[in-house]
N, C-alpha and C. Protein backbone atom coordinates (compact mmCIF):
# COMPACT_ATOMS: atom_id res chain seq x y z
N MET A 1 -9.01 -3.50 -25.37
CA MET A 1 -9.83 -3.29 -24.21
C MET A 1 -8.99 -3.25 -22.97
N ILE A 2 -9.22 -2.26 -22.15
CA ILE A 2 -8.51 -2.16 -20.85
C ILE A 2 -9.26 -2.95 -19.80
N GLU A 3 -8.48 -3.79 -19.04
CA GLU A 3 -9.10 -4.65 -18.00
C GLU A 3 -9.63 -3.78 -16.89
N PRO A 4 -10.73 -4.15 -16.23
CA PRO A 4 -11.34 -3.39 -15.15
C PRO A 4 -10.39 -3.12 -13.98
N TYR A 5 -9.48 -4.06 -13.68
CA TYR A 5 -8.60 -3.89 -12.53
C TYR A 5 -7.64 -2.71 -12.69
N VAL A 6 -7.45 -2.25 -13.87
CA VAL A 6 -6.57 -1.08 -14.12
C VAL A 6 -7.15 0.15 -13.42
N TYR A 7 -8.45 0.14 -13.19
CA TYR A 7 -9.08 1.29 -12.62
C TYR A 7 -9.24 1.13 -11.13
N GLY A 8 -8.52 0.24 -10.56
CA GLY A 8 -8.56 0.03 -9.06
C GLY A 8 -8.13 1.28 -8.31
N ASP A 9 -8.57 1.39 -7.06
CA ASP A 9 -8.23 2.49 -6.19
C ASP A 9 -6.74 2.61 -5.96
N TYR A 10 -6.26 3.84 -5.81
CA TYR A 10 -4.83 4.12 -5.53
C TYR A 10 -4.78 4.63 -4.10
N ILE A 11 -3.66 4.38 -3.46
CA ILE A 11 -3.33 5.02 -2.20
C ILE A 11 -1.93 5.53 -2.29
N ALA A 12 -1.60 6.51 -1.44
CA ALA A 12 -0.23 7.01 -1.34
C ALA A 12 0.28 6.84 0.13
N ILE A 13 1.43 6.41 0.30
CA ILE A 13 1.98 6.17 1.60
C ILE A 13 3.26 6.99 1.78
N LYS A 14 3.33 7.83 2.80
CA LYS A 14 4.50 8.63 3.08
C LYS A 14 5.12 8.18 4.37
N ALA A 15 6.41 7.81 4.30
CA ALA A 15 7.16 7.37 5.49
C ALA A 15 7.49 8.51 6.41
N LEU A 16 7.23 8.36 7.66
CA LEU A 16 7.57 9.36 8.65
C LEU A 16 8.84 8.98 9.50
N GLU A 17 9.35 7.84 9.15
CA GLU A 17 10.63 7.38 9.75
C GLU A 17 11.32 6.42 8.76
N ASN A 18 12.54 6.16 8.99
CA ASN A 18 13.29 5.20 8.15
C ASN A 18 12.78 3.76 8.37
N GLY A 19 12.80 2.95 7.35
CA GLY A 19 12.46 1.53 7.53
C GLY A 19 11.01 1.18 7.48
N VAL A 20 10.19 2.04 6.95
CA VAL A 20 8.77 1.69 6.85
C VAL A 20 8.63 0.61 5.76
N THR A 21 7.85 -0.43 6.04
CA THR A 21 7.62 -1.53 5.11
C THR A 21 6.20 -1.47 4.59
N VAL A 22 6.10 -1.58 3.31
CA VAL A 22 4.78 -1.63 2.60
C VAL A 22 4.71 -2.99 1.99
N ILE A 23 3.63 -3.72 2.31
CA ILE A 23 3.50 -5.09 1.89
C ILE A 23 2.20 -5.28 1.08
N GLY A 24 2.32 -5.81 -0.14
CA GLY A 24 1.14 -6.14 -0.94
C GLY A 24 0.70 -7.58 -0.69
N LEU A 25 -0.62 -7.77 -0.46
CA LEU A 25 -1.15 -9.09 -0.18
C LEU A 25 -2.08 -9.46 -1.35
N THR A 26 -2.05 -10.76 -1.68
CA THR A 26 -2.75 -11.27 -2.89
C THR A 26 -4.28 -11.47 -2.60
N ARG A 27 -4.95 -11.60 -3.67
CA ARG A 27 -6.36 -12.09 -3.69
C ARG A 27 -6.46 -13.53 -3.81
N GLY A 28 -7.59 -14.13 -3.60
CA GLY A 28 -7.80 -15.57 -3.88
C GLY A 28 -7.98 -16.36 -2.65
N LYS A 29 -7.96 -17.72 -2.89
CA LYS A 29 -8.24 -18.67 -1.84
C LYS A 29 -7.27 -18.54 -0.66
N ASP A 30 -6.05 -18.35 -0.97
CA ASP A 30 -4.92 -18.21 0.05
C ASP A 30 -4.34 -16.84 -0.08
N THR A 31 -4.47 -16.01 0.97
CA THR A 31 -3.84 -14.69 0.96
C THR A 31 -2.36 -14.84 1.19
N LYS A 32 -1.53 -14.29 0.29
CA LYS A 32 -0.07 -14.41 0.42
C LYS A 32 0.57 -13.07 0.18
N LEU A 33 1.75 -12.88 0.67
CA LEU A 33 2.54 -11.69 0.45
C LEU A 33 3.09 -11.81 -1.00
N HIS A 34 2.93 -10.74 -1.77
CA HIS A 34 3.46 -10.82 -3.16
C HIS A 34 4.48 -9.72 -3.49
N HIS A 35 4.57 -8.67 -2.66
CA HIS A 35 5.54 -7.63 -2.92
C HIS A 35 5.80 -6.86 -1.62
N THR A 36 7.06 -6.45 -1.42
CA THR A 36 7.35 -5.60 -0.31
C THR A 36 8.30 -4.43 -0.76
N GLU A 37 8.14 -3.35 -0.12
CA GLU A 37 9.00 -2.15 -0.39
C GLU A 37 9.44 -1.58 0.99
N LYS A 38 10.62 -1.09 1.09
CA LYS A 38 11.11 -0.42 2.25
C LYS A 38 11.21 1.11 1.88
N LEU A 39 10.67 1.93 2.76
CA LEU A 39 10.74 3.41 2.57
C LEU A 39 11.54 4.06 3.66
N ASP A 40 12.28 5.05 3.30
CA ASP A 40 13.00 5.87 4.28
C ASP A 40 12.19 7.11 4.49
N ARG A 41 12.49 7.83 5.61
CA ARG A 41 11.74 9.04 5.98
C ARG A 41 11.62 9.96 4.79
N GLY A 42 10.37 10.45 4.59
CA GLY A 42 10.11 11.38 3.51
C GLY A 42 9.77 10.74 2.14
N GLU A 43 10.09 9.48 1.95
CA GLU A 43 9.80 8.80 0.76
C GLU A 43 8.29 8.50 0.64
N VAL A 44 7.79 8.54 -0.58
CA VAL A 44 6.33 8.28 -0.85
C VAL A 44 6.26 7.21 -1.93
N ILE A 45 5.31 6.32 -1.72
CA ILE A 45 5.00 5.33 -2.76
C ILE A 45 3.50 5.44 -3.04
N VAL A 46 3.16 5.29 -4.35
CA VAL A 46 1.79 5.26 -4.76
C VAL A 46 1.50 3.84 -5.13
N ALA A 47 0.43 3.26 -4.55
CA ALA A 47 0.10 1.84 -4.76
C ALA A 47 -1.31 1.75 -5.29
N GLN A 48 -1.59 0.69 -6.03
CA GLN A 48 -2.89 0.45 -6.62
C GLN A 48 -3.43 -0.93 -6.27
N PHE A 49 -4.72 -0.99 -5.99
CA PHE A 49 -5.35 -2.29 -5.80
C PHE A 49 -5.67 -2.86 -7.23
N THR A 50 -5.25 -4.06 -7.49
CA THR A 50 -5.39 -4.65 -8.82
C THR A 50 -5.96 -6.04 -8.70
N GLU A 51 -5.95 -6.74 -9.83
CA GLU A 51 -6.44 -8.12 -9.81
C GLU A 51 -5.59 -8.99 -8.91
N HIS A 52 -4.38 -8.64 -8.64
CA HIS A 52 -3.47 -9.40 -7.78
C HIS A 52 -3.38 -8.86 -6.34
N THR A 53 -3.63 -7.57 -6.19
CA THR A 53 -3.45 -6.97 -4.85
C THR A 53 -4.85 -6.70 -4.20
N ALA A 54 -5.06 -7.40 -3.10
CA ALA A 54 -6.32 -7.26 -2.34
C ALA A 54 -6.16 -6.37 -1.16
N ALA A 55 -4.96 -6.37 -0.56
CA ALA A 55 -4.73 -5.58 0.63
C ALA A 55 -3.33 -5.05 0.66
N ILE A 56 -3.11 -3.96 1.40
CA ILE A 56 -1.80 -3.39 1.55
C ILE A 56 -1.54 -3.15 3.03
N LYS A 57 -0.45 -3.70 3.53
CA LYS A 57 -0.09 -3.59 4.94
C LYS A 57 1.07 -2.67 5.07
N VAL A 58 0.99 -1.80 6.09
CA VAL A 58 2.06 -0.80 6.33
C VAL A 58 2.58 -1.02 7.74
N ARG A 59 3.92 -1.27 7.81
CA ARG A 59 4.58 -1.39 9.10
C ARG A 59 5.56 -0.22 9.32
N GLY A 60 5.41 0.42 10.48
CA GLY A 60 6.24 1.59 10.78
C GLY A 60 5.40 2.83 10.73
N LYS A 61 6.06 3.94 11.10
CA LYS A 61 5.34 5.25 11.21
C LYS A 61 5.21 5.87 9.78
N ALA A 62 3.94 6.03 9.40
CA ALA A 62 3.65 6.57 8.08
C ALA A 62 2.31 7.21 8.04
N VAL A 63 2.03 7.95 6.94
CA VAL A 63 0.71 8.47 6.67
C VAL A 63 0.23 7.79 5.37
N VAL A 64 -0.97 7.28 5.41
CA VAL A 64 -1.62 6.63 4.24
C VAL A 64 -2.69 7.54 3.80
N TYR A 65 -2.60 7.98 2.51
CA TYR A 65 -3.61 8.82 1.89
C TYR A 65 -4.49 8.10 0.98
N THR A 66 -5.80 8.15 1.19
CA THR A 66 -6.79 7.49 0.34
C THR A 66 -7.83 8.49 -0.09
N LYS A 67 -8.73 8.02 -0.93
CA LYS A 67 -9.82 8.91 -1.40
C LYS A 67 -10.76 9.23 -0.23
N PHE A 68 -10.65 8.51 0.87
CA PHE A 68 -11.51 8.71 2.01
C PHE A 68 -10.91 9.60 3.04
N GLY A 69 -9.58 10.00 2.88
CA GLY A 69 -8.91 10.83 3.79
C GLY A 69 -7.57 10.22 4.10
N SER A 70 -6.90 10.73 5.16
CA SER A 70 -5.58 10.21 5.53
C SER A 70 -5.64 9.51 6.86
N ILE A 71 -4.73 8.53 6.98
CA ILE A 71 -4.63 7.77 8.26
C ILE A 71 -3.17 7.70 8.64
N GLU A 72 -2.86 8.11 9.88
CA GLU A 72 -1.49 8.00 10.37
C GLU A 72 -1.35 6.75 11.21
N THR A 73 -0.32 5.97 10.96
CA THR A 73 -0.09 4.76 11.79
C THR A 73 0.32 5.20 13.14
N SER A 74 0.16 4.35 14.14
CA SER A 74 0.57 4.69 15.46
C SER A 74 1.54 3.57 16.00
N ASP A 75 2.16 3.88 17.05
CA ASP A 75 3.19 2.98 17.66
C ASP A 75 2.48 1.73 18.31
């Protein structure tokens, strides 16, 4: 049986500058940072919300693509 969290929403993040940081934040009683990635300009990462990932924070200039549309970060 496949766990329900496997079907969590995905987002894609495209860096518009070097040094964009993508941070995964945990679920639960205490929200904690559990994973970080650094992206350079033009790099893309696809991330998924899971049983461990409740939020994703993006630092730097990037475009975040979701099922609801795209969002460009601002300065």
